[in-house]
Amino acid sequence: MFARVKKSGKRQYLQIVENRREGKKTVQRVVSTLGRMDQLTAKGEIETLVRSLARFSEKALLVLSGKSEVNAQAKKNRPGPDL
């Protein structure tokens, strides 16, 4: 599953989408439309959703800030070969 922004006319909507295989084709299905991007952003609901979902992730590194532009780098630790 992933999040995407879908344009419809002049508006943009935030959606949760899943990919699945049907034979040799990949088919996308919209699981949920969360709302209009302008309204979600104005109310701060995107950050609230990200914080809520982060509770269920053991591997996510989450950096939340009041600033709209955050410069951060993350490095994923992968187990190496046994030496």
Protein backbone atom coordinates (compact mmCIF):
# COMPACT_ATOMS: atom_id res chain seq x y z
CA MET A 1 0.00 0.00 0.00
CA PHE A 2 1.03 3.56 -0.58
CA ALA A 3 -0.29 7.11 -0.45
CA ARG A 4 -0.82 9.17 -3.57
CA VAL A 5 -2.22 12.55 -4.51
CA LYS A 6 -4.95 12.32 -7.16
CA LYS A 7 -5.94 15.41 -9.13
CA SER A 8 -9.59 15.97 -9.98
CA GLY A 9 -10.22 19.26 -11.72
CA LYS A 10 -8.51 21.99 -9.69
CA ARG A 11 -8.52 19.96 -6.48
CA GLN A 12 -6.10 17.34 -5.16
CA TYR A 13 -7.10 14.40 -2.95
CA LEU A 14 -4.96 12.18 -0.72
CA GLN A 15 -5.63 8.48 -1.29
CA ILE A 16 -4.44 5.18 0.14
CA VAL A 17 -3.93 2.72 -2.73
CA GLU A 18 -2.95 -0.94 -2.94
CA ASN A 19 -1.36 -2.86 -5.80
CA ARG A 20 -2.25 -6.47 -6.52
CA ARG A 21 -1.60 -8.92 -9.31
CA GLU A 22 -4.30 -10.33 -11.54
CA GLY A 23 -2.55 -12.77 -13.80
CA LYS A 24 0.26 -10.84 -15.47
CA LYS A 25 -1.26 -7.41 -14.80
CA THR A 26 -0.84 -5.19 -11.78
CA VAL A 27 -4.12 -3.61 -10.70
CA GLN A 28 -4.46 -0.64 -8.38
CA ARG A 29 -7.38 -0.30 -5.99
CA VAL A 30 -8.20 2.80 -3.97
CA VAL A 31 -8.60 1.65 -0.37
CA SER A 32 -9.63 5.07 0.91
CA THR A 33 -9.76 8.72 -0.08
CA LEU A 34 -8.67 10.61 3.02
CA GLY A 35 -9.75 14.06 1.89
CA ARG A 36 -8.76 17.18 0.01
CA MET A 37 -5.09 18.08 0.31
CA ASP A 38 -5.76 21.79 0.95
CA GLN A 39 -8.07 20.98 3.88
CA LEU A 40 -5.85 18.26 5.34
CA THR A 41 -2.80 20.53 5.17
CA ALA A 42 -4.59 23.55 6.65
CA LYS A 43 -5.84 21.54 9.65
CA GLY A 44 -2.49 19.76 10.22
CA GLU A 45 -4.20 16.40 9.77
CA ILE A 46 -1.47 14.90 7.57
CA GLU A 47 1.07 15.20 10.40
CA THR A 48 -1.44 13.71 12.83
CA LEU A 49 -2.00 10.75 10.49
CA VAL A 50 1.75 10.19 10.04
CA ARG A 51 2.32 10.23 13.81
CA SER A 52 -0.52 7.78 14.33
CA LEU A 53 0.73 5.34 11.67
CA ALA A 54 4.33 5.58 12.92
CA ARG A 55 3.27 3.83 16.14
CA PHE A 56 2.83 0.62 14.15
CA SER A 57 6.23 0.70 12.44
CA GLU A 58 9.30 -0.81 14.06
CA LYS A 59 11.64 0.24 11.26
CA ALA A 60 10.56 3.79 10.41
CA LEU A 61 12.69 6.74 11.42
CA LEU A 62 10.36 9.67 11.74
CA VAL A 63 11.40 13.29 11.91
CA LEU A 64 8.60 15.70 12.70
CA SER A 65 9.09 19.42 12.81
CA GLY A 66 6.99 22.55 12.72
CA LYS A 67 8.97 23.62 9.67
CA SER A 68 7.75 22.85 6.19
CA GLU A 69 11.25 22.17 4.85
CA VAL A 70 13.29 19.66 6.82
CA ASN A 71 16.71 18.54 5.62
CA ALA A 72 17.41 15.10 6.99
CA GLN A 73 19.22 12.00 5.92
CA ALA A 74 18.47 8.50 7.05
CA LYS A 75 20.56 5.40 6.67
CA LYS A 76 19.01 1.97 6.85
CA ASN A 77 21.13 -0.54 8.74
CA ARG A 78 21.21 -3.84 6.95
CA PRO A 79 22.67 -6.95 8.46
CA GLY A 80 25.89 -7.87 6.74
CA PRO A 81 27.20 -11.30 5.88
CA ASP A 82 28.45 -13.38 8.79
CA LEU A 83 32.22 -13.12 8.96
